[in-house]
Amino acid sequence: MPSGSRAEAEVQRLRDQMAQMQATTTEQITQLKAKATSREAEVQKRYEELQLQLKVDTVAREAEVQRKYEELQQQLKANAATREVEAAAREVQATTREVEAIAREVEAAAREAEQRQKFDELQQ
């Protein structure tokens, strides 16, 4: 075989090898793109799931905070009502003591008036 023919054969062999390598590389790139697209879809799906879970958790947390807030509001109202009742009870006790003191004064005045009347009757 002349050297020109050998060189042409070598060039052809190298071209075939390059074509094969190019086909393999193209196939690998296509596979990698497919894997990347698939992985991107998985990541996007997982991201959306996490976003949804975050929203659910946030709503649940907000509901719990609202429930606790309302519970504390009720407790504050109950405590205020209790203090009002206790203050009213103290006022009633004070008024009762005042009424009892006035009643004692009235009884004393009545006894005094009765004694004066008896004294006046005795002097007549």
N, C-alpha and C. Protein backbone atom coordinates (compact mmCIF):
# COMPACT_ATOMS: atom_id res chain seq x y z
N MET A 1 0.84 -1.16 0.00
CA MET A 1 0.00 0.00 0.00
C MET A 1 0.90 1.24 0.00
N PRO A 2 0.59 2.14 -0.92
CA PRO A 2 1.40 3.35 -0.95
C PRO A 2 1.13 4.17 0.30
N SER A 3 2.09 5.01 0.62
CA SER A 3 1.98 5.78 1.85
C SER A 3 0.83 6.76 1.79
N GLY A 4 0.45 7.25 0.61
CA GLY A 4 -0.70 8.13 0.49
C GLY A 4 -1.97 7.41 0.84
N SER A 5 -2.06 6.15 0.39
CA SER A 5 -3.23 5.35 0.71
C SER A 5 -3.31 5.04 2.19
N ARG A 6 -2.14 4.77 2.75
CA ARG A 6 -2.11 4.48 4.17
C ARG A 6 -2.52 5.72 4.96
N ALA A 7 -2.03 6.83 4.54
CA ALA A 7 -2.37 8.08 5.22
C ALA A 7 -3.85 8.36 5.09
N GLU A 8 -4.41 8.11 3.91
CA GLU A 8 -5.84 8.32 3.71
C GLU A 8 -6.65 7.36 4.58
N ALA A 9 -6.15 6.11 4.65
CA ALA A 9 -6.83 5.12 5.49
C ALA A 9 -6.77 5.54 6.95
N GLU A 10 -5.61 6.03 7.37
CA GLU A 10 -5.44 6.49 8.76
C GLU A 10 -6.35 7.68 9.03
N VAL A 11 -6.40 8.62 8.07
CA VAL A 11 -7.28 9.78 8.21
C VAL A 11 -8.73 9.32 8.30
N GLN A 12 -9.10 8.36 7.47
CA GLN A 12 -10.48 7.85 7.48
C GLN A 12 -10.78 7.17 8.81
N ARG A 13 -9.80 6.38 9.28
CA ARG A 13 -9.98 5.69 10.56
C ARG A 13 -10.16 6.72 11.67
N LEU A 14 -9.34 7.77 11.66
CA LEU A 14 -9.44 8.80 12.68
C LEU A 14 -10.77 9.56 12.56
N ARG A 15 -11.21 9.79 11.32
CA ARG A 15 -12.51 10.44 11.11
C ARG A 15 -13.63 9.57 11.66
N ASP A 16 -13.56 8.27 11.37
CA ASP A 16 -14.57 7.34 11.89
C ASP A 16 -14.55 7.33 13.42
N GLN A 17 -13.32 7.31 13.95
CA GLN A 17 -13.18 7.31 15.41
C GLN A 17 -13.77 8.60 15.99
N MET A 18 -13.48 9.74 15.36
CA MET A 18 -14.03 11.02 15.81
C MET A 18 -15.55 11.03 15.71
N ALA A 19 -16.07 10.48 14.61
CA ALA A 19 -17.52 10.42 14.44
C ALA A 19 -18.14 9.57 15.54
N GLN A 20 -17.48 8.43 15.85
CA GLN A 20 -17.98 7.55 16.91
C GLN A 20 -17.92 8.28 18.25
N MET A 21 -16.79 8.95 18.52
CA MET A 21 -16.63 9.68 19.78
C MET A 21 -17.66 10.81 19.86
N GLN A 22 -17.88 11.48 18.74
CA GLN A 22 -18.85 12.58 18.71
C GLN A 22 -20.25 12.05 18.98
N ALA A 23 -20.59 10.90 18.38
CA ALA A 23 -21.90 10.30 18.62
C ALA A 23 -22.04 9.90 20.09
N THR A 24 -20.98 9.29 20.64
CA THR A 24 -21.01 8.90 22.05
C THR A 24 -21.13 10.13 22.94
N THR A 25 -20.35 11.16 22.64
CA THR A 25 -20.40 12.39 23.42
C THR A 25 -21.77 13.04 23.33
N THR A 26 -22.33 13.08 22.14
CA THR A 26 -23.66 13.66 21.95
C THR A 26 -24.69 12.87 22.76
N GLU A 27 -24.57 11.54 22.72
CA GLU A 27 -25.50 10.69 23.49
C GLU A 27 -25.34 10.93 24.98
N GLN A 28 -24.09 11.05 25.44
CA GLN A 28 -23.84 11.31 26.86
C GLN A 28 -24.41 12.68 27.27
N ILE A 29 -24.20 13.67 26.41
CA ILE A 29 -24.74 15.01 26.69
C ILE A 29 -26.26 14.96 26.76
N THR A 30 -26.88 14.24 25.83
CA THR A 30 -28.34 14.10 25.82
C THR A 30 -28.81 13.42 27.10
N GLN A 31 -28.09 12.36 27.51
CA GLN A 31 -28.46 11.65 28.75
C GLN A 31 -28.30 12.57 29.96
N LEU A 32 -27.19 13.32 29.98
CA LEU A 32 -26.96 14.24 31.10
C LEU A 32 -28.03 15.33 31.15
N LYS A 33 -28.41 15.84 29.96
CA LYS A 33 -29.47 16.83 29.92
C LYS A 33 -30.78 16.24 30.43
N ALA A 34 -31.07 15.00 30.02
CA ALA A 34 -32.30 14.34 30.48
C ALA A 34 -32.27 14.15 31.99
N LYS A 35 -31.10 13.70 32.51
CA LYS A 35 -30.97 13.53 33.96
C LYS A 35 -31.12 14.87 34.67
N ALA A 36 -30.49 15.91 34.11
CA ALA A 36 -30.57 17.24 34.73
C ALA A 36 -32.01 17.74 34.72
N THR A 37 -32.71 17.52 33.61
CA THR A 37 -34.11 17.94 33.52
C THR A 37 -34.96 17.17 34.52
N SER A 38 -34.71 15.86 34.61
CA SER A 38 -35.45 15.02 35.56
C SER A 38 -35.17 15.47 36.99
N ARG A 39 -33.90 15.70 37.28
CA ARG A 39 -33.51 16.13 38.63
C ARG A 39 -34.11 17.50 38.94
N GLU A 40 -34.09 18.38 37.95
CA GLU A 40 -34.67 19.71 38.14
C GLU A 40 -36.17 19.60 38.44
N ALA A 41 -36.85 18.69 37.75
CA ALA A 41 -38.28 18.48 38.00
C ALA A 41 -38.49 17.93 39.41
N GLU A 42 -37.62 17.00 39.83
CA GLU A 42 -37.73 16.45 41.19
C GLU A 42 -37.50 17.54 42.23
N VAL A 43 -36.47 18.35 41.99
CA VAL A 43 -36.16 19.43 42.93
C VAL A 43 -37.31 20.43 42.98
N GLN A 44 -37.86 20.77 41.83
CA GLN A 44 -38.99 21.70 41.77
C GLN A 44 -40.18 21.13 42.53
N LYS A 45 -40.44 19.84 42.33
CA LYS A 45 -41.56 19.18 43.02
C LYS A 45 -41.32 19.22 44.53
N ARG A 46 -40.10 18.89 44.94
CA ARG A 46 -39.78 18.89 46.37
C ARG A 46 -39.89 20.31 46.93
N TYR A 47 -39.44 21.29 46.17
CA TYR A 47 -39.54 22.69 46.58
C TYR A 47 -41.00 23.07 46.80
N GLU A 48 -41.85 22.69 45.86
CA GLU A 48 -43.27 23.01 45.98
C GLU A 48 -43.89 22.30 47.17
N GLU A 49 -43.47 21.04 47.41
CA GLU A 49 -43.97 20.31 48.58
C GLU A 49 -43.55 21.02 49.86
N LEU A 50 -42.29 21.45 49.91
CA LEU A 50 -41.80 22.15 51.10
C LEU A 50 -42.50 23.49 51.29
N GLN A 51 -42.75 24.19 50.19
CA GLN A 51 -43.48 25.45 50.27
C GLN A 51 -44.88 25.22 50.83
N LEU A 52 -45.54 24.18 50.33
CA LEU A 52 -46.88 23.86 50.81
C LEU A 52 -46.85 23.49 52.29
N GLN A 53 -45.86 22.67 52.67
CA GLN A 53 -45.74 22.27 54.07
C GLN A 53 -45.47 23.49 54.95
N LEU A 54 -44.64 24.40 54.45
CA LEU A 54 -44.36 25.63 55.18
C LEU A 54 -45.63 26.44 55.37
N LYS A 55 -46.45 26.53 54.34
CA LYS A 55 -47.71 27.26 54.45
C LYS A 55 -48.63 26.59 55.47
N VAL A 56 -48.70 25.26 55.40
CA VAL A 56 -49.54 24.51 56.35
C VAL A 56 -49.05 24.75 57.77
N ASP A 57 -47.73 24.64 57.97
CA ASP A 57 -47.16 24.86 59.29
C ASP A 57 -47.41 26.28 59.77
N THR A 58 -47.28 27.23 58.87
CA THR A 58 -47.50 28.64 59.23
C THR A 58 -48.95 28.86 59.65
N VAL A 59 -49.88 28.31 58.88
CA VAL A 59 -51.30 28.45 59.22
C VAL A 59 -51.57 27.79 60.57
N ALA A 60 -51.00 26.62 60.79
CA ALA A 60 -51.20 25.92 62.07
C ALA A 60 -50.63 26.73 63.22
N ARG A 61 -49.43 27.29 63.01
CA ARG A 61 -48.80 28.10 64.05
C ARG A 61 -49.62 29.35 64.33
N GLU A 62 -50.10 29.99 63.27
CA GLU A 62 -50.92 31.19 63.45
C GLU A 62 -52.22 30.86 64.18
N ALA A 63 -52.81 29.72 63.86
CA ALA A 63 -54.03 29.30 64.55
C ALA A 63 -53.75 29.05 66.03
N GLU A 64 -52.62 28.42 66.32
CA GLU A 64 -52.25 28.15 67.71
C GLU A 64 -52.00 29.46 68.46
N VAL A 65 -51.31 30.39 67.82
CA VAL A 65 -51.05 31.69 68.44
C VAL A 65 -52.38 32.41 68.69
N GLN A 66 -53.27 32.38 67.73
CA GLN A 66 -54.59 33.02 67.88
C GLN A 66 -55.37 32.38 69.01
N ARG A 67 -55.33 31.04 69.08
CA ARG A 67 -56.04 30.32 70.15
C ARG A 67 -55.48 30.73 71.52
N LYS A 68 -54.15 30.76 71.63
CA LYS A 68 -53.53 31.15 72.90
C LYS A 68 -53.86 32.61 73.24
N TYR A 69 -53.85 33.47 72.23
CA TYR A 69 -54.19 34.88 72.45
C TYR A 69 -55.61 34.99 73.00
N GLU A 70 -56.55 34.30 72.36
CA GLU A 70 -57.94 34.36 72.81
C GLU A 70 -58.09 33.77 74.21
N GLU A 71 -57.34 32.70 74.47
CA GLU A 71 -57.38 32.09 75.79
C GLU A 71 -56.87 33.08 76.84
N LEU A 72 -55.78 33.77 76.54
CA LEU A 72 -55.25 34.76 77.47
C LEU A 72 -56.21 35.94 77.64
N GLN A 73 -56.85 36.35 76.56
CA GLN A 73 -57.85 37.42 76.64
C GLN A 73 -58.98 37.01 77.58
N GLN A 74 -59.46 35.78 77.43
CA GLN A 74 -60.53 35.28 78.30
C GLN A 74 -60.06 35.26 79.75
N GLN A 75 -58.81 34.81 79.95
CA GLN A 75 -58.27 34.75 81.30
C GLN A 75 -58.16 36.16 81.89
N LEU A 76 -57.71 37.11 81.09
CA LEU A 76 -57.62 38.49 81.57
C LEU A 76 -59.00 39.04 81.93
N LYS A 77 -59.99 38.75 81.09
CA LYS A 77 -61.36 39.20 81.37
C LYS A 77 -61.88 38.56 82.66
N ALA A 78 -61.60 37.26 82.81
CA ALA A 78 -62.05 36.56 84.02
C ALA A 78 -61.37 37.15 85.25
N ASN A 79 -60.08 37.42 85.14
CA ASN A 79 -59.35 38.02 86.27
C ASN A 79 -59.90 39.40 86.60
N ALA A 80 -60.20 40.18 85.57
CA ALA A 80 -60.76 41.52 85.80
C ALA A 80 -62.13 41.41 86.47
N ALA A 81 -62.94 40.47 86.00
CA ALA A 81 -64.26 40.27 86.60
C ALA A 81 -64.12 39.84 88.05
N THR A 82 -63.16 38.97 88.33
CA THR A 82 -62.93 38.51 89.71
C THR A 82 -62.53 39.70 90.58
N ARG A 83 -61.64 40.54 90.07
CA ARG A 83 -61.23 41.72 90.85
C ARG A 83 -62.42 42.65 91.09
N GLU A 84 -63.27 42.81 90.08
CA GLU A 84 -64.46 43.66 90.24
C GLU A 84 -65.38 43.09 91.31
N VAL A 85 -65.59 41.77 91.28
CA VAL A 85 -66.45 41.12 92.28
C VAL A 85 -65.85 41.28 93.67
N GLU A 86 -64.53 41.09 93.77
CA GLU A 86 -63.88 41.24 95.08
C GLU A 86 -64.00 42.68 95.58
N ALA A 87 -63.85 43.66 94.68
CA ALA A 87 -63.99 45.07 95.08
C ALA A 87 -65.42 45.35 95.52
N ALA A 88 -66.39 44.81 94.78
CA ALA A 88 -67.79 45.00 95.15
C ALA A 88 -68.07 44.35 96.50
N ALA A 89 -67.49 43.18 96.74
CA ALA A 89 -67.69 42.50 98.03
C ALA A 89 -67.11 43.34 99.16
N ARG A 90 -65.94 43.94 98.93
CA ARG A 90 -65.35 44.81 99.96
C ARG A 90 -66.24 46.03 100.21
N GLU A 91 -66.80 46.57 99.14
CA GLU A 91 -67.71 47.71 99.30
C GLU A 91 -68.94 47.31 100.10
N VAL A 92 -69.48 46.12 99.81
CA VAL A 92 -70.66 45.64 100.55
C VAL A 92 -70.30 45.46 102.02
N GLN A 93 -69.12 44.91 102.30
CA GLN A 93 -68.71 44.74 103.70
C GLN A 93 -68.58 46.09 104.40
N ALA A 94 -67.99 47.05 103.70
CA ALA A 94 -67.83 48.38 104.29
C ALA A 94 -69.20 49.01 104.54
N THR A 95 -70.10 48.88 103.56
CA THR A 95 -71.45 49.43 103.71
C THR A 95 -72.17 48.74 104.86
N THR A 96 -72.00 47.42 104.96
CA THR A 96 -72.63 46.66 106.04
C THR A 96 -72.13 47.16 107.40
N ARG A 97 -70.83 47.39 107.50
CA ARG A 97 -70.28 47.91 108.77
C ARG A 97 -70.84 49.30 109.08
N GLU A 98 -70.97 50.12 108.03
CA GLU A 98 -71.54 51.46 108.24
C GLU A 98 -72.99 51.36 108.70
N VAL A 99 -73.77 50.47 108.06
CA VAL A 99 -75.18 50.29 108.44
C VAL A 99 -75.27 49.78 109.87
N GLU A 100 -74.40 48.84 110.23
CA GLU A 100 -74.41 48.31 111.60
C GLU A 100 -74.08 49.41 112.60
N ALA A 101 -73.11 50.26 112.24
CA ALA A 101 -72.75 51.37 113.14
C ALA A 101 -73.92 52.34 113.28
N ILE A 102 -74.60 52.65 112.18
CA ILE A 102 -75.77 53.54 112.23
C ILE A 102 -76.88 52.89 113.05
N ALA A 103 -77.07 51.58 112.88
CA ALA A 103 -78.10 50.87 113.65
C ALA A 103 -77.79 50.96 115.14
N ARG A 104 -76.52 50.81 115.50
CA ARG A 104 -76.15 50.92 116.92
C ARG A 104 -76.42 52.34 117.43
N GLU A 105 -76.11 53.33 116.59
CA GLU A 105 -76.38 54.72 116.97
C GLU A 105 -77.88 54.95 117.15
N VAL A 106 -78.69 54.39 116.23
CA VAL A 106 -80.15 54.53 116.33
C VAL A 106 -80.65 53.86 117.60
N GLU A 107 -80.14 52.66 117.88
CA GLU A 107 -80.56 51.95 119.11
C GLU A 107 -80.18 52.76 120.35
N ALA A 108 -78.97 53.31 120.30
CA ALA A 108 -78.53 54.11 121.45
C ALA A 108 -79.41 55.35 121.59
N ALA A 109 -79.73 55.99 120.47
CA ALA A 109 -80.59 57.18 120.50
C ALA A 109 -81.98 56.79 120.99
N ALA A 110 -82.48 55.63 120.56
CA ALA A 110 -83.80 55.18 120.99
C ALA A 110 -83.80 54.91 122.49
N ARG A 111 -82.74 54.26 122.98
CA ARG A 111 -82.65 54.00 124.43
C ARG A 111 -82.60 55.32 125.21
N GLU A 112 -81.80 56.23 124.66
CA GLU A 112 -81.69 57.54 125.31
C GLU A 112 -83.03 58.26 125.32
N ALA A 113 -83.75 58.20 124.20
CA ALA A 113 -85.06 58.86 124.12
C ALA A 113 -86.02 58.18 125.09
N GLU A 114 -85.96 56.87 125.18
CA GLU A 114 -86.84 56.13 126.09
C GLU A 114 -86.53 56.50 127.54
N GLN A 115 -85.24 56.61 127.84
CA GLN A 115 -84.85 56.98 129.20
C GLN A 115 -85.28 58.41 129.53
N ARG A 116 -85.18 59.32 128.58
CA ARG A 116 -85.62 60.70 128.79
C ARG A 116 -87.12 60.75 129.03
N GLN A 117 -87.81 59.93 128.20
CA GLN A 117 -89.26 59.92 128.35
C GLN A 117 -89.63 59.39 129.74
N LYS A 118 -88.97 58.33 130.20
CA LYS A 118 -89.25 57.79 131.53
C LYS A 118 -88.89 58.81 132.60
N PHE A 119 -87.76 59.47 132.38
CA PHE A 119 -87.33 60.49 133.33
C PHE A 119 -88.35 61.63 133.39
N ASP A 120 -88.79 62.05 132.19
CA ASP A 120 -89.79 63.12 132.12
C ASP A 120 -91.09 62.69 132.79
N GLU A 121 -91.47 61.45 132.60
CA GLU A 121 -92.70 60.95 133.20
C GLU A 121 -92.58 60.90 134.72
N LEU A 122 -91.40 60.55 135.18
CA LEU A 122 -91.18 60.48 136.63
C LEU A 122 -91.19 61.88 137.25
N GLN A 123 -90.76 62.85 136.53
CA GLN A 123 -90.70 64.22 137.04
C GLN A 123 -92.07 64.87 136.99
N GLN A 124 -92.96 64.38 136.32
CA GLN A 124 -94.28 64.99 136.24
C GLN A 124 -95.15 64.53 137.34
